[in-house]
N, C-alpha and C. Protein backbone atom coordinates (compact mmCIF):
# COMPACT_ATOMS: atom_id res chain seq x y z
N MET A 1 -10.11 -12.62 52.12
CA MET A 1 -11.67 -13.10 51.36
C MET A 1 -11.63 -13.45 49.50
N ASP A 2 -12.09 -14.55 49.75
CA ASP A 2 -12.64 -15.04 48.83
C ASP A 2 -12.25 -14.45 46.96
N TRP A 3 -11.59 -14.98 46.10
CA TRP A 3 -11.71 -14.86 44.47
C TRP A 3 -12.98 -13.97 44.29
N GLY A 4 -14.38 -14.37 44.56
CA GLY A 4 -15.55 -13.97 44.42
C GLY A 4 -15.82 -13.08 45.24
N GLY A 5 -15.88 -12.87 46.54
CA GLY A 5 -15.75 -11.86 47.49
C GLY A 5 -15.64 -11.01 46.68
N ASN A 6 -13.83 -10.40 46.47
CA ASN A 6 -12.93 -9.95 46.19
C ASN A 6 -13.42 -9.23 45.09
N ILE A 7 -14.15 -9.73 43.82
CA ILE A 7 -14.40 -9.51 43.05
C ILE A 7 -16.48 -8.12 43.25
N VAL A 8 -16.83 -8.52 44.04
CA VAL A 8 -17.89 -8.67 44.75
C VAL A 8 -18.19 -6.65 45.54
N MET A 9 -16.81 -6.91 46.59
CA MET A 9 -15.96 -5.99 46.76
C MET A 9 -16.21 -4.88 45.62
N GLU A 10 -15.45 -4.68 44.65
CA GLU A 10 -14.52 -3.95 43.81
C GLU A 10 -15.74 -3.50 43.53
N ASP A 11 -16.22 -4.31 42.83
CA ASP A 11 -18.09 -4.23 41.73
C ASP A 11 -18.95 -2.32 42.51
N LEU A 12 -19.16 -2.74 44.63
CA LEU A 12 -19.36 -2.41 45.10
C LEU A 12 -18.24 -1.15 45.54
N ARG A 13 -17.02 -0.90 45.33
CA ARG A 13 -16.38 0.51 45.43
C ARG A 13 -16.65 0.82 44.20
N ILE A 14 -16.04 0.82 43.04
CA ILE A 14 -16.81 0.93 41.35
C ILE A 14 -17.62 2.12 42.11
N SER A 15 -19.29 1.85 42.53
CA SER A 15 -20.14 1.97 42.10
C SER A 15 -20.07 3.11 43.36
N CYS A 16 -19.56 3.43 44.66
CA CYS A 16 -19.24 4.42 45.39
C CYS A 16 -18.45 4.64 44.51
N ILE A 17 -17.51 4.88 43.66
CA ILE A 17 -16.65 5.85 43.19
C ILE A 17 -17.17 6.54 42.62
N TRP A 18 -18.14 6.39 41.94
CA TRP A 18 -18.85 6.33 40.01
C TRP A 18 -19.98 7.75 40.51
N LYS A 19 -20.38 7.41 41.93
CA LYS A 19 -20.90 8.28 43.07
C LYS A 19 -20.39 9.33 42.59
N ILE A 20 -19.10 9.30 43.78
CA ILE A 20 -18.53 10.70 44.48
C ILE A 20 -17.94 11.17 43.24
N ALA A 21 -17.26 10.26 42.35
CA ALA A 21 -17.14 11.48 40.89
C ALA A 21 -18.38 12.37 40.87
N LYS A 22 -19.42 11.31 40.27
CA LYS A 22 -20.82 12.74 39.53
C LYS A 22 -20.95 13.68 40.93
N ARG A 23 -20.73 14.36 41.93
CA ARG A 23 -21.24 14.25 42.52
C ARG A 23 -20.35 15.58 42.97
N THR A 24 -18.67 14.46 43.41
CA THR A 24 -18.12 15.72 42.94
C THR A 24 -17.73 16.95 41.98
N ASP A 25 -18.55 16.38 40.82
CA ASP A 25 -18.27 16.39 39.05
C ASP A 25 -17.05 16.83 38.75
N SER A 26 -16.33 15.10 38.69
CA SER A 26 -15.27 14.76 39.00
C SER A 26 -14.99 13.15 38.29
N ARG A 27 -15.81 13.35 37.44
CA ARG A 27 -16.11 12.27 36.36
C ARG A 27 -14.33 11.68 35.80
N MET A 28 -13.46 12.06 35.47
CA MET A 28 -12.17 11.93 34.38
C MET A 28 -11.54 11.03 35.93
N LYS A 29 -11.96 11.45 37.23
CA LYS A 29 -10.84 10.97 38.68
C LYS A 29 -11.33 9.50 38.62
N PHE A 30 -12.76 9.65 37.91
CA PHE A 30 -13.84 7.15 38.06
C PHE A 30 -12.52 6.46 36.77
N PHE A 31 -13.10 7.48 35.62
CA PHE A 31 -12.08 6.70 35.06
C PHE A 31 -10.41 6.37 34.99
N ASP A 32 -9.87 7.19 35.60
CA ASP A 32 -8.61 6.95 36.53
C ASP A 32 -8.13 5.86 37.27
N TYR A 33 -9.55 5.82 37.92
CA TYR A 33 -8.83 5.13 38.75
C TYR A 33 -8.98 3.35 38.34
N ILE A 34 -10.43 3.11 37.25
CA ILE A 34 -10.18 1.26 36.69
C ILE A 34 -8.96 2.07 35.43
N GLN A 35 -8.66 2.64 35.28
CA GLN A 35 -7.18 2.61 34.66
C GLN A 35 -6.40 1.73 35.54
N THR A 36 -5.79 2.91 36.44
CA THR A 36 -4.73 3.06 37.40
C THR A 36 -4.70 1.15 38.40
N ALA A 37 -6.62 1.62 38.75
CA ALA A 37 -6.18 -0.09 39.78
C ALA A 37 -6.37 -0.98 38.33
N HIS A 38 -7.24 -1.55 38.03
CA HIS A 38 -6.95 -1.89 37.03
C HIS A 38 -5.35 -2.94 35.88
N GLU A 39 -4.82 -1.63 36.16
CA GLU A 39 -2.96 -2.12 35.17
C GLU A 39 -2.64 -3.07 36.25
N PHE A 40 -2.87 -2.09 38.24
CA PHE A 40 -1.84 -3.26 39.17
C PHE A 40 -2.67 -4.65 39.04
N CYS A 41 -4.25 -4.82 38.66
CA CYS A 41 -4.57 -6.03 39.94
C CYS A 41 -6.43 -5.91 38.36
N PRO A 42 -5.30 -7.62 37.67
CA PRO A 42 -6.50 -7.73 36.22
C PRO A 42 -7.25 -8.24 37.63
N ASP A 43 -8.68 -7.95 36.63
CA ASP A 43 -10.61 -8.90 37.40
C ASP A 43 -9.95 -9.62 38.09
N GLU A 44 -9.04 -10.32 37.41
CA GLU A 44 -9.79 -11.57 38.08
C GLU A 44 -8.35 -12.17 39.36
N LYS A 45 -7.91 -10.81 39.68
CA LYS A 45 -6.27 -10.36 40.46
C LYS A 45 -7.32 -9.02 41.94
N ILE A 46 -7.13 -8.35 41.39
CA ILE A 46 -8.25 -7.26 41.68
C ILE A 46 -8.44 -7.24 43.43
N ASN A 47 -8.07 -7.27 44.39
CA ASN A 47 -8.51 -6.50 46.26
C ASN A 47 -8.10 -5.74 46.34
N GLU A 48 -8.14 -5.71 47.82
CA GLU A 48 -7.74 -3.80 48.57
C GLU A 48 -6.63 -3.64 48.01
N SER A 49 -5.51 -4.27 47.96
CA SER A 49 -3.97 -3.12 48.47
C SER A 49 -4.82 -2.28 46.55
N CYS A 50 -5.12 -3.85 45.42
CA CYS A 50 -5.05 -2.27 44.44
C CYS A 50 -5.87 -1.04 44.47
N HIS A 51 -7.03 -1.70 45.16
CA HIS A 51 -7.80 -0.39 45.03
C HIS A 51 -7.31 1.03 45.90
N TYR A 52 -6.47 0.30 47.14
CA TYR A 52 -6.19 1.78 47.68
C TYR A 52 -5.53 2.32 46.84
N MET A 53 -3.53 1.49 46.46
CA MET A 53 -3.30 2.12 45.22
C MET A 53 -3.86 2.74 44.05
N GLY A 54 -4.76 2.27 43.72
CA GLY A 54 -5.40 3.31 42.86
C GLY A 54 -5.59 4.47 43.11
N LEU A 55 -6.96 4.56 44.92
CA LEU A 55 -7.52 5.06 44.54
C LEU A 55 -6.32 6.62 44.91
N LYS A 56 -5.06 6.00 45.80
CA LYS A 56 -4.08 7.24 46.60
C LYS A 56 -2.99 7.91 44.48
N LYS A 57 -2.83 7.43 43.70
CA LYS A 57 -3.08 7.75 42.27
C LYS A 57 -3.99 8.82 41.68
N SER A 58 -5.18 8.26 41.97
CA SER A 58 -5.77 8.96 41.39
C SER A 58 -7.20 10.30 42.16
N ASN A 59 -6.60 10.14 43.36
CA ASN A 59 -6.42 11.24 44.41
C ASN A 59 -7.67 11.04 44.67
N ILE A 60 -8.14 9.75 45.06
CA ILE A 60 -9.61 9.56 45.95
C ILE A 60 -9.65 9.70 47.39
N SER A 61 -10.40 9.92 48.14
CA SER A 61 -10.62 9.92 49.77
C SER A 61 -10.60 8.19 49.96
N ARG A 62 -10.36 8.28 50.63
CA ARG A 62 -10.16 6.33 51.27
C ARG A 62 -11.71 6.54 52.00
N GLU A 63 -11.15 7.53 52.38
CA GLU A 63 -12.53 7.41 53.90
C GLU A 63 -13.88 7.51 53.70
N GLU A 64 -13.90 8.80 52.10
CA GLU A 64 -14.84 8.72 51.89
C GLU A 64 -15.98 7.48 50.85
N VAL A 65 -14.40 7.06 50.48
CA VAL A 65 -15.31 5.40 49.97
C VAL A 65 -15.81 4.24 50.12
N ASP A 66 -14.73 4.11 51.62
CA ASP A 66 -15.13 3.19 52.64
C ASP A 66 -16.46 3.15 53.49
N SER A 67 -16.29 4.40 53.48
CA SER A 67 -18.23 4.96 54.36
C SER A 67 -19.06 4.84 52.56
N CYS A 68 -18.73 5.11 52.19
CA CYS A 68 -20.07 4.98 51.02
C CYS A 68 -20.55 3.03 51.16
N VAL A 69 -18.93 2.60 51.23
CA VAL A 69 -19.21 0.76 50.99
C VAL A 69 -19.74 1.06 52.73
N GLN A 70 -19.48 0.87 53.39
CA GLN A 70 -19.86 0.78 54.52
C GLN A 70 -21.72 0.61 54.51
N GLU A 71 -21.67 1.56 54.02
CA GLU A 71 -23.31 2.02 54.60
C GLU A 71 -24.65 1.74 53.30
N THR A 72 -23.95 0.92 52.11
CA THR A 72 -24.46 0.49 52.09
C THR A 72 -25.45 -1.29 52.39
N PHE A 73 -24.05 -1.35 53.16
CA PHE A 73 -24.85 -2.99 54.16
C PHE A 73 -25.73 -2.40 55.23
N VAL A 74 -26.66 -3.07 55.24
CA VAL A 74 -28.34 -3.13 56.20
C VAL A 74 -27.60 -3.03 58.25
N SER A 75 -26.47 -3.52 57.69
CA SER A 75 -26.88 -3.26 59.08
C SER A 75 -24.69 -2.62 59.30
N LYS A 76 -24.18 -1.63 58.86
CA LYS A 76 -23.67 -0.47 57.62
C LYS A 76 -21.82 -1.30 59.07
N GLY A 77 -21.66 -2.19 58.92
CA GLY A 77 -20.73 -2.46 59.55
C GLY A 77 -20.95 -3.71 60.53
N LYS A 78 -21.63 -3.05 60.75
CA LYS A 78 -21.43 -4.38 62.71
C LYS A 78 -21.53 -5.64 62.47
N GLU A 79 -22.36 -6.20 60.94
CA GLU A 79 -21.10 -7.70 60.47
C GLU A 79 -20.55 -7.94 60.32
N THR A 80 -20.36 -9.26 59.89
CA THR A 80 -19.77 -8.85 59.00
C THR A 80 -19.26 -8.80 56.87
N TYR A 81 -19.06 -8.37 56.62
CA TYR A 81 -19.90 -7.74 54.84
C TYR A 81 -20.68 -9.65 53.92
N ASP A 82 -19.87 -10.95 54.14
CA ASP A 82 -20.02 -11.54 53.60
C ASP A 82 -21.19 -12.52 54.75
N LYS A 83 -21.98 -11.85 55.56
CA LYS A 83 -23.31 -12.24 56.20
C LYS A 83 -23.69 -11.38 55.90
N ASP A 84 -23.85 -10.04 55.68
CA ASP A 84 -24.75 -8.86 55.76
C ASP A 84 -25.75 -9.16 54.63
N ASP A 85 -27.02 -7.98 54.35
CA ASP A 85 -27.51 -8.03 53.41
C ASP A 85 -27.08 -6.52 53.25
N ASN A 86 -26.87 -6.24 51.45
CA ASN A 86 -26.49 -4.92 50.91
C ASN A 86 -27.52 -4.40 49.94
N THR A 87 -27.93 -2.89 49.88
CA THR A 87 -28.99 -2.89 49.54
C THR A 87 -28.36 -2.45 48.09
N GLU A 88 -27.59 -2.06 47.77
CA GLU A 88 -26.45 -1.85 46.95
C GLU A 88 -26.81 -2.24 46.16
N LEU A 89 -26.21 -4.50 46.44
CA LEU A 89 -26.36 -4.99 45.70
C LEU A 89 -27.44 -5.90 45.15
N LYS A 90 -28.62 -5.41 46.18
CA LYS A 90 -30.40 -6.18 45.75
C LYS A 90 -30.51 -5.28 44.53
N SER A 91 -30.48 -3.59 45.21
CA SER A 91 -30.77 -3.36 43.30
C SER A 91 -30.64 -3.10 41.86
N SER A 92 -29.09 -4.08 42.53
CA SER A 92 -28.05 -3.85 40.85
C SER A 92 -29.41 -5.47 40.42
N LEU A 93 -30.04 -6.50 41.59
CA LEU A 93 -29.61 -7.61 40.89
C LEU A 93 -31.62 -7.36 41.25
N GLU A 94 -31.84 -6.18 40.63
CA GLU A 94 -33.12 -6.38 40.59
C GLU A 94 -33.25 -5.44 39.36
N ASP A 95 -32.47 -4.78 39.05
CA ASP A 95 -32.41 -4.74 37.26
C ASP A 95 -31.81 -5.39 36.65
N TRP A 96 -30.70 -6.26 37.37
CA TRP A 96 -29.82 -6.86 36.60
C TRP A 96 -31.32 -8.34 36.03
N GLN A 97 -32.01 -8.58 36.56
CA GLN A 97 -33.83 -9.02 36.23
C GLN A 97 -34.09 -8.67 35.07
N SER A 98 -34.56 -7.57 35.34
CA SER A 98 -35.95 -6.75 34.91
C SER A 98 -35.25 -6.58 33.21
N PHE A 99 -34.33 -5.51 33.51
CA PHE A 99 -33.74 -5.98 32.82
C PHE A 99 -33.26 -6.94 31.26
N GLY A 100 -33.37 -7.98 31.95
CA GLY A 100 -32.52 -9.08 30.69
C GLY A 100 -31.90 -9.31 31.03
N SER A 101 -30.40 -8.93 31.43
CA SER A 101 -29.43 -9.35 31.86
C SER A 101 -28.84 -10.14 31.48
N HIS A 102 -28.99 -10.94 32.57
CA HIS A 102 -28.78 -12.13 32.41
C HIS A 102 -29.35 -13.24 31.93
N LEU A 103 -30.31 -12.47 30.36
CA LEU A 103 -29.91 -14.12 29.19
C LEU A 103 -29.29 -13.38 28.03
N TYR A 104 -28.78 -14.51 27.54
CA TYR A 104 -27.97 -14.18 26.87
C TYR A 104 -28.24 -12.81 25.34
N PRO A 105 -27.52 -12.74 25.44
CA PRO A 105 -27.23 -10.98 24.60
C PRO A 105 -27.45 -11.34 23.22
N ALA A 106 -28.57 -10.75 21.87
CA ALA A 106 -28.68 -10.31 21.20
C ALA A 106 -28.29 -9.97 20.59
N VAL A 107 -27.71 -9.51 19.25
CA VAL A 107 -27.50 -7.99 18.13
C VAL A 107 -28.76 -7.82 17.18
N SER A 108 -29.60 -6.98 17.30
CA SER A 108 -30.59 -6.84 15.79
C SER A 108 -29.38 -5.52 14.35
N VAL A 109 -28.60 -5.90 13.56
CA VAL A 109 -28.00 -4.97 12.57
C VAL A 109 -29.47 -5.01 11.25
N ASN A 110 -30.06 -3.57 11.28
CA ASN A 110 -31.07 -3.67 9.99
C ASN A 110 -32.07 -4.83 10.23
N GLY A 111 -32.56 -5.04 11.42
CA GLY A 111 -33.63 -5.71 11.79
C GLY A 111 -32.93 -7.10 11.27
N ILE A 112 -31.65 -7.42 10.72
CA ILE A 112 -30.63 -8.67 10.79
C ILE A 112 -30.68 -9.42 11.94
N LYS A 113 -30.71 -11.18 12.72
CA LYS A 113 -30.68 -10.65 14.11
C LYS A 113 -28.67 -10.86 13.58
N PHE A 114 -28.20 -10.71 14.56
CA PHE A 114 -26.25 -11.09 13.75
C PHE A 114 -26.47 -12.79 14.11
N ARG A 115 -25.66 -13.56 13.68
CA ARG A 115 -25.31 -14.64 13.36
C ARG A 115 -23.48 -14.78 14.16
N GLY A 116 -23.15 -15.11 14.33
CA GLY A 116 -20.98 -15.03 15.30
C GLY A 116 -20.71 -14.31 16.53
N GLN A 117 -20.04 -14.45 17.10
CA GLN A 117 -19.32 -14.72 17.70
C GLN A 117 -19.84 -12.59 18.19
N VAL A 118 -20.45 -12.62 19.58
CA VAL A 118 -20.81 -11.78 20.30
C VAL A 118 -19.85 -10.54 20.73
N ASN A 119 -18.42 -10.34 19.30
CA ASN A 119 -18.06 -8.94 20.81
C ASN A 119 -17.72 -7.53 20.05
N PRO A 120 -17.08 -7.30 20.57
CA PRO A 120 -17.18 -5.51 19.79
C PRO A 120 -16.64 -4.81 18.63
N GLU A 121 -15.44 -5.92 17.96
CA GLU A 121 -14.81 -5.69 16.51
C GLU A 121 -15.97 -6.34 15.46
N ASN A 122 -16.35 -8.26 15.82
CA ASN A 122 -17.35 -8.20 15.12
C ASN A 122 -19.04 -7.90 14.82
N VAL A 123 -19.16 -6.94 15.57
CA VAL A 123 -20.27 -6.47 15.62
C VAL A 123 -20.25 -5.30 15.29
N PHE A 124 -18.57 -4.86 14.90
CA PHE A 124 -18.50 -3.12 14.01
C PHE A 124 -18.40 -3.74 12.77
N GLU A 125 -18.12 -4.86 12.61
CA GLU A 125 -17.50 -5.58 11.40
C GLU A 125 -19.32 -5.65 10.51
N ASP A 126 -20.11 -6.01 11.94
CA ASP A 126 -21.28 -5.93 11.05
C ASP A 126 -22.50 -4.58 10.29
N ILE A 127 -22.19 -3.94 11.40
CA ILE A 127 -22.27 -2.79 11.21
C ILE A 127 -21.34 -1.90 10.10
N CYS A 128 -20.73 -1.76 10.26
CA CYS A 128 -20.13 -1.80 8.60
C CYS A 128 -20.05 -1.58 7.32
N MET A 129 -20.89 -3.55 7.27
CA MET A 129 -20.70 -4.03 5.35
C MET A 129 -22.17 -3.41 5.79
N GLY A 130 -23.69 -3.24 6.69
CA GLY A 130 -24.65 -2.59 6.09
C GLY A 130 -24.61 -1.52 5.14
N PHE A 131 -24.16 -0.01 5.55
CA PHE A 131 -24.05 0.49 4.57
C PHE A 131 -23.66 1.05 2.99
N THR A 132 -24.80 1.80 2.56
CA THR A 132 -24.67 1.66 1.44
C THR A 132 -22.98 2.31 1.05
N ARG A 133 -23.11 3.00 1.50
CA ARG A 133 -21.57 4.46 1.27
C ARG A 133 -21.30 3.92 2.56
N MET A 134 -19.17 3.46 2.62
CA MET A 134 -19.28 3.12 3.77
C MET A 134 -18.04 4.37 5.03
N PRO A 135 -18.63 5.02 5.25
CA PRO A 135 -18.04 5.63 6.61
C PRO A 135 -16.52 5.47 6.65
N HIS A 136 -15.81 6.76 6.46
CA HIS A 136 -14.55 6.56 6.21
C HIS A 136 -13.61 5.57 7.19
N ALA A 137 -14.68 5.70 8.60
CA ALA A 137 -14.41 4.82 9.26
C ALA A 137 -13.71 3.75 9.41
N CYS A 138 -15.24 3.67 9.29
CA CYS A 138 -15.36 1.70 8.29
C CYS A 138 -13.92 1.35 7.69
N ARG A 139 -14.18 2.31 6.63
CA ARG A 139 -13.18 1.53 5.67
C ARG A 139 -12.30 1.75 6.24
N ARG A 140 -11.39 2.24 7.37
CA ARG A 140 -9.80 2.53 8.09
C ARG A 140 -10.11 0.98 8.51
N PHE A 141 -10.65 1.28 10.15
CA PHE A 141 -10.90 -0.34 10.07
C PHE A 141 -10.88 -1.00 9.96
N LEU A 142 -11.35 -1.39 8.92
CA LEU A 142 -11.99 -2.88 7.87
C LEU A 142 -10.06 -3.36 7.34
N LYS A 143 -9.93 -2.15 6.90
CA LYS A 143 -8.90 -1.77 6.35
C LYS A 143 -7.60 -3.07 6.95
N LYS A 144 -7.81 -2.19 8.79
CA LYS A 144 -6.79 -2.96 9.58
C LYS A 144 -6.84 -3.89 9.88
N GLU A 145 -7.32 -4.52 10.09
CA GLU A 145 -8.32 -6.24 10.49
C GLU A 145 -7.59 -7.00 8.86
N GLY A 146 -7.97 -6.60 7.68
CA GLY A 146 -6.80 -7.19 6.57
C GLY A 146 -8.28 -8.01 5.74
N ILE A 147 -9.52 -7.04 6.03
CA ILE A 147 -10.63 -7.31 5.21
C ILE A 147 -11.35 -6.70 3.10
N LYS A 148 -10.57 -6.98 3.01
CA LYS A 148 -11.22 -6.38 1.25
C LYS A 148 -12.41 -5.67 1.17
N VAL A 149 -12.41 -4.55 0.74
CA VAL A 149 -13.23 -3.29 1.00
C VAL A 149 -13.27 -2.31 -0.63
N GLN A 150 -14.37 -3.10 -1.32
CA GLN A 150 -15.25 -2.57 -2.16
C GLN A 150 -14.91 -1.31 -2.28
N ASP A 151 -14.91 -0.52 -3.99
CA ASP A 151 -14.26 0.89 -3.83
C ASP A 151 -16.19 0.89 -4.07
N ASN A 152 -16.90 1.78 -3.56
CA ASN A 152 -17.76 2.24 -3.75
C ASN A 152 -18.68 3.60 -4.16
N GLY A 153 -17.26 3.97 -5.96
CA GLY A 153 -17.93 5.43 -6.52
C GLY A 153 -17.14 6.50 -5.64
N ILE A 154 -16.90 7.64 -6.34
CA ILE A 154 -17.41 8.90 -6.14
C ILE A 154 -17.61 9.47 -4.92
N ASN A 155 -17.23 9.80 -4.94
CA ASN A 155 -17.16 11.34 -2.95
C ASN A 155 -18.64 12.46 -3.05
N SER A 156 -19.37 13.10 -2.18
CA SER A 156 -20.10 13.27 -3.02
C SER A 156 -19.14 14.85 -3.26
N ASN A 157 -17.99 15.52 -2.38
CA ASN A 157 -16.94 15.92 -3.58
C ASN A 157 -16.21 16.36 -5.28
N GLN A 158 -16.36 14.77 -5.41
CA GLN A 158 -16.01 14.47 -6.33
C GLN A 158 -17.14 14.77 -7.46
N LEU A 159 -18.64 14.38 -7.13
CA LEU A 159 -19.56 14.63 -8.25
C LEU A 159 -19.79 16.15 -8.12
N VAL A 160 -19.73 16.58 -7.23
CA VAL A 160 -19.89 18.34 -7.13
C VAL A 160 -18.54 18.54 -7.90
N ALA A 161 -17.79 17.64 -7.68
CA ALA A 161 -16.62 18.12 -9.19
C ALA A 161 -17.07 18.13 -10.62
N VAL A 162 -17.39 17.51 -10.86
CA VAL A 162 -17.86 16.61 -12.26
C VAL A 162 -18.98 17.06 -13.55
N LEU A 163 -20.26 16.85 -12.12
CA LEU A 163 -21.30 18.37 -11.78
C LEU A 163 -20.95 20.27 -13.36
N PHE A 164 -20.02 20.31 -11.84
CA PHE A 164 -19.97 22.21 -12.31
C PHE A 164 -18.67 21.61 -13.18
N SER A 165 -17.22 20.86 -13.25
CA SER A 165 -16.43 20.82 -15.05
C SER A 165 -17.39 20.69 -16.28
N VAL A 166 -18.89 19.47 -15.82
CA VAL A 166 -19.92 19.63 -17.46
C VAL A 166 -20.94 20.79 -17.58
N ILE A 167 -20.85 21.58 -16.22
CA ILE A 167 -21.69 22.83 -16.99
C ILE A 167 -20.98 23.84 -17.03
N VAL A 168 -20.34 23.76 -16.80
CA VAL A 168 -18.29 24.79 -17.82
C VAL A 168 -18.08 23.81 -19.58
N LEU A 169 -18.51 22.91 -19.27
CA LEU A 169 -18.03 22.98 -20.69
C LEU A 169 -18.96 22.91 -21.13
N ASN A 170 -19.82 22.66 -21.18
CA ASN A 170 -21.53 22.93 -21.72
C ASN A 170 -21.63 24.76 -22.14
N ALA A 171 -21.37 25.18 -20.97
CA ALA A 171 -21.38 26.43 -21.69
C ALA A 171 -20.41 27.77 -22.72
N ILE A 172 -19.25 26.74 -22.40
CA ILE A 172 -18.33 27.12 -23.29
C ILE A 172 -19.41 26.72 -24.33
N LEU A 173 -19.33 25.43 -24.80
CA LEU A 173 -19.65 24.76 -25.67
C LEU A 173 -21.14 25.82 -26.88
N PHE A 174 -21.49 25.84 -26.14
CA PHE A 174 -22.31 27.03 -26.07
C PHE A 174 -22.33 28.82 -26.97
N LEU A 175 -20.87 29.22 -26.03
CA LEU A 175 -20.24 30.18 -26.31
C LEU A 175 -20.00 30.47 -27.80
N ASN A 176 -19.80 28.82 -27.47
CA ASN A 176 -18.54 29.15 -29.20
C ASN A 176 -19.54 28.72 -30.53
N TYR A 177 -20.45 27.66 -29.59
CA TYR A 177 -21.16 27.70 -31.28
C TYR A 177 -22.10 29.24 -31.67
N ARG A 178 -22.67 30.08 -30.17
CA ARG A 178 -22.98 31.23 -30.26
C ARG A 178 -22.91 32.16 -31.40
N ASN A 179 -21.49 32.46 -31.57
CA ASN A 179 -19.70 33.29 -32.06
C ASN A 179 -19.81 32.82 -33.50
N HIS A 180 -20.37 31.25 -33.73
CA HIS A 180 -19.34 30.77 -34.93
C HIS A 180 -20.90 31.58 -35.34
N LEU A 181 -22.99 30.93 -34.72
CA LEU A 181 -23.84 31.46 -35.63
C LEU A 181 -23.71 32.88 -36.28
N ASN A 182 -23.05 33.90 -35.49
CA ASN A 182 -23.39 34.86 -35.33
C ASN A 182 -22.50 35.31 -36.70
N LYS A 183 -21.33 34.84 -36.57
CA LYS A 183 -20.50 35.11 -37.66
C LYS A 183 -21.12 34.34 -38.91
N GLU A 184 -21.52 33.28 -38.94
CA GLU A 184 -22.22 32.86 -40.03
C GLU A 184 -23.44 34.02 -40.96
N LEU A 185 -24.20 34.67 -39.54
CA LEU A 185 -25.76 35.38 -40.23
C LEU A 185 -25.02 36.61 -40.64
N SER A 186 -23.65 36.45 -39.77
CA SER A 186 -23.22 37.52 -40.41
C SER A 186 -22.42 38.45 -41.81
N GLU A 187 -22.05 37.52 -42.02
CA GLU A 187 -21.64 36.57 -43.37
C GLU A 187 -22.87 36.94 -44.58
N GLU A 188 -23.85 35.59 -43.94
CA GLU A 188 -25.07 36.51 -45.16
C GLU A 188 -25.02 36.80 -46.33
N ARG A 189 -25.74 38.03 -44.28
CA ARG A 189 -25.98 39.51 -44.18
C ARG A 189 -25.12 40.53 -45.15
N LYS A 190 -23.80 40.43 -45.50
CA LYS A 190 -23.08 40.83 -46.15
C LYS A 190 -22.80 40.57 -47.77
N LEU A 191 -23.15 38.86 -48.26
CA LEU A 191 -23.00 38.78 -49.12
C LEU A 191 -25.13 39.53 -50.11
N GLN A 192 -25.69 39.75 -49.39
CA GLN A 192 -27.13 39.43 -49.52
C GLN A 192 -26.70 40.81 -50.30
N VAL A 193 -26.51 41.84 -49.05
CA VAL A 193 -26.27 43.05 -49.30
C VAL A 193 -25.30 43.20 -50.85
N SER A 194 -24.37 43.30 -50.88
CA SER A 194 -23.19 42.98 -51.87
C SER A 194 -24.32 42.69 -53.66
N SER A 195 -25.11 41.64 -53.04
CA SER A 195 -25.67 41.21 -54.66
C SER A 195 -27.23 42.32 -54.86
N GLU A 196 -27.64 42.60 -53.58
CA GLU A 196 -28.36 43.79 -54.24
C GLU A 196 -28.11 44.88 -54.46
N VAL A 197 -26.43 45.36 -54.46
CA VAL A 197 -26.39 46.41 -54.42
C VAL A 197 -25.73 45.85 -55.74
N SER A 198 -25.00 45.20 -56.02
CA SER A 198 -24.90 44.42 -57.31
C SER A 198 -25.59 44.36 -58.56
N LYS A 199 -27.10 44.74 -58.17
CA LYS A 199 -28.64 44.83 -59.02
C LYS A 199 -28.46 45.97 -59.17
N TYR A 200 -28.83 46.29 -57.69
CA TYR A 200 -28.95 48.20 -58.41
C TYR A 200 -28.14 48.36 -59.85
N VAL A 201 -26.65 48.69 -59.22
CA VAL A 201 -25.99 49.12 -60.49
C VAL A 201 -26.45 48.75 -62.21
N ALA A 202 -26.46 47.17 -61.77
CA ALA A 202 -26.58 46.94 -63.08
C ALA A 202 -28.12 47.11 -64.16
N LEU A 203 -29.21 47.84 -63.01
CA LEU A 203 -30.13 48.46 -63.46
C LEU A 203 -29.46 49.89 -63.66
N SER A 204 -28.79 50.20 -63.05
CA SER A 204 -28.83 52.18 -63.36
C SER A 204 -27.55 52.05 -64.49
């Protein structure tokens, strides 16, 4: 089978493996298969040998997958696959056209169309730059990419600490002022009492 045929067959096998994994509640086997099979063979070199190695290492039934793939063909394997119609591929094609997946993808961030190479790193960087207060994950990613990020001020914990310190300081100042005022009033009362006593003694 040619390169294009191998890719199409692998797509069918992957679809079947996902259905089987979902039905048997063993979704991790699907991801184990993807990692294993495509480590043996990159996408451009994927073939049945890599597929079977992936199944064996992921503990997935080869017969069940082969049967599922065969069922997707109209003639159920009575004709060669490259000459037969396939219901799974037909459904995928309809979805592909319906959802517009065949169109060149565009990304919009905060209502502004992203301009640049559409890849995960560039899009993530653009999303991060849109935050007023940048999350820690964004700052870590940008630092890793060698992009300088301005400090965005104090965080909420630091703000609470500052407010608490200001309140405590004001409370201390208020208590000191009140004590000082009470002391002055006490002294003034003593002087007034002493003065009145002196006047009384003088009159006597």
